[in-house]
Each structure stands twice: as structure tokens, then as C-alpha cells.
C-alpha atoms as a PDB file:
ATOM      1  CA  MET A   1      19.833   6.208 -24.053  1.00  0.00           C
ATOM      2  CA  ASP A   2      20.750   7.085 -20.452  1.00  0.00           C
ATOM      3  CA  GLY A   3      23.135  10.083 -21.293  1.00  0.00           C
ATOM      4  CA  THR A   4      26.423   8.159 -20.935  1.00  0.00           C
ATOM      5  CA  LEU A   5      29.214   9.703 -23.004  1.00  0.00           C
ATOM      6  CA  LEU A   6      30.335   6.993 -25.440  1.00  0.00           C
ATOM      7  CA  SER A   7      32.949   8.863 -27.517  1.00  0.00           C
ATOM      8  CA  THR A   8      34.275  12.258 -28.413  1.00  0.00           C
ATOM      9  CA  PHE A   9      34.797  13.279 -32.168  1.00  0.00           C
ATOM     10  CA  THR A  10      36.761  16.203 -33.458  1.00  0.00           C
ATOM     11  CA  ASP A  11      37.286  17.059 -37.122  1.00  0.00           C
ATOM     12  CA  PRO A  12      38.642  20.157 -38.985  1.00  0.00           C
ATOM     13  CA  ASP A  13      35.229  20.176 -40.917  1.00  0.00           C
ATOM     14  CA  LEU A  14      33.446  20.840 -37.630  1.00  0.00           C
ATOM     15  CA  LYS A  15      33.511  24.405 -36.362  1.00  0.00           C
ATOM     16  CA  GLU A  16      30.159  24.859 -34.669  1.00  0.00           C
ATOM     17  CA  PRO A  17      28.321  21.491 -34.582  1.00  0.00           C
ATOM     18  CA  LYS A  18      24.771  22.182 -33.614  1.00  0.00           C
ATOM     19  CA  SER A  19      22.985  18.818 -33.653  1.00  0.00           C
ATOM     20  CA  VAL A  20      23.530  15.003 -34.039  1.00  0.00           C
ATOM     21  CA  HIS A  21      20.969  12.669 -35.510  1.00  0.00           C
ATOM     22  CA  VAL A  22      20.970   8.878 -35.486  1.00  0.00           C
ATOM     23  CA  THR A  23      18.940   7.374 -38.380  1.00  0.00           C
ATOM     24  CA  LEU A  24      16.743   4.261 -37.985  1.00  0.00           C
ATOM     25  CA  SER A  25      19.519   2.383 -39.799  1.00  0.00           C
ATOM     26  CA  GLY A  26      22.197   3.546 -37.249  1.00  0.00           C
ATOM     27  CA  GLN A  27      23.880   6.280 -39.365  1.00  0.00           C
ATOM     28  CA  VAL A  28      25.253   9.123 -37.242  1.00  0.00           C
ATOM     29  CA  LEU A  29      24.815  12.523 -38.771  1.00  0.00           C
ATOM     30  CA  VAL A  30      26.416  15.729 -37.363  1.00  0.00           C
ATOM     31  CA  PHE A  31      25.317  19.127 -38.542  1.00  0.00           C
ATOM     32  CA  ASP A  32      27.758  22.062 -38.535  1.00  0.00           C
ATOM     33  CA  PHE A  33      26.063  25.422 -38.454  1.00  0.00           C
ATOM     34  CA  MET A  34      29.081  27.613 -39.451  1.00  0.00           C
ATOM     35  CA  PHE A  35      30.569  25.447 -42.259  1.00  0.00           C
ATOM     36  CA  ASN A  36      27.125  24.555 -43.628  1.00  0.00           C
ATOM     37  CA  THR A  37      27.988  20.818 -43.732  1.00  0.00           C
ATOM     38  CA  ILE A  38      26.414  17.510 -42.681  1.00  0.00           C
ATOM     39  CA  LEU A  39      28.860  14.862 -41.893  1.00  0.00           C
ATOM     40  CA  GLN A  40      28.325  11.138 -41.486  1.00  0.00           C
ATOM     41  CA  ILE A  41      30.281   9.650 -38.629  1.00  0.00           C
ATOM     42  CA  GLU A  42      31.089   6.018 -37.859  1.00  0.00           C
ATOM     43  CA  GLY A  43      28.679   4.492 -35.328  1.00  0.00           C
ATOM     44  CA  ASP A  44      31.548   4.111 -32.858  1.00  0.00           C
ATOM     45  CA  GLY A  45      32.263   7.901 -33.142  1.00  0.00           C
ATOM     46  CA  GLN A  46      35.995   7.497 -34.130  1.00  0.00           C
ATOM     47  CA  ARG A  47      36.116   8.744 -37.720  1.00  0.00           C
ATOM     48  CA  LYS A  48      34.249  10.633 -40.443  1.00  0.00           C
ATOM     49  CA  GLN A  49      32.739   8.228 -43.119  1.00  0.00           C
ATOM     50  CA  ALA A  50      31.543  10.992 -45.498  1.00  0.00           C
ATOM     51  CA  THR A  51      30.614  14.630 -45.961  1.00  0.00           C
ATOM     52  CA  VAL A  52      26.880  14.051 -46.899  1.00  0.00           C
ATOM     53  CA  ALA A  53      25.974  17.659 -47.915  1.00  0.00           C
ATOM     54  CA  THR A  54      27.487  21.083 -48.037  1.00  0.00           C
ATOM     55  CA  SER A  55      26.517  24.733 -49.107  1.00  0.00           C
ATOM     56  CA  ASP A  56      27.222  23.432 -52.742  1.00  0.00           C
ATOM     57  CA  ASN A  57      24.190  21.213 -52.178  1.00  0.00           C
ATOM     58  CA  GLY A  58      21.989  24.017 -50.789  1.00  0.00           C
ATOM     59  CA  VAL A  59      22.739  23.348 -47.133  1.00  0.00           C
ATOM     60  CA  GLU A  60      22.564  26.712 -45.166  1.00  0.00           C
ATOM     61  CA  TYR A  61      22.998  26.802 -41.379  1.00  0.00           C
ATOM     62  CA  PRO A  62      21.640  23.338 -40.668  1.00  0.00           C
ATOM     63  CA  LEU A  63      20.021  22.782 -37.332  1.00  0.00           C
ATOM     64  CA  CYS A  64      18.207  19.472 -37.751  1.00  0.00           C
ATOM     65  CA  LEU A  65      17.111  16.831 -40.151  1.00  0.00           C
ATOM     66  CA  TYR A  66      14.074  14.623 -40.299  1.00  0.00           C
END
């Protein structure tokens, strides 16, 4: 909450990440603008849990989620 960097995450499925969202249940979602993907990352930021959605699911240039 104070802007302290907790972890750095890299993955070949991320080319141009645009946004990160933390759900009320604590899920961390990362949106990649160029690859049209939404990834779920472990809360500690160390590995990808799942690819939540892609262009096959209708995702096009994601910027945010609500």
C-alpha cells in the first residue's frame, strides 16, 4: 500500500503488461496488451498460476478489469 516493491515477475507470455489488479479474494491478475492475455500470478509474485483469458476468449488489448 505504500509503494514498496515486493517482487518482480517475468514470463514469456508477457510482452507489454499494462495493468495489475488484485481481486478482493487476493488473486493477482496481470493484463498483457500485445499478447491479448490475462494471467493469474501467485500472490507472492513468483510464478504464473494460470492464463485466465486470451484472444480466443474475446480479449483484445486489455487495459483493466472490474
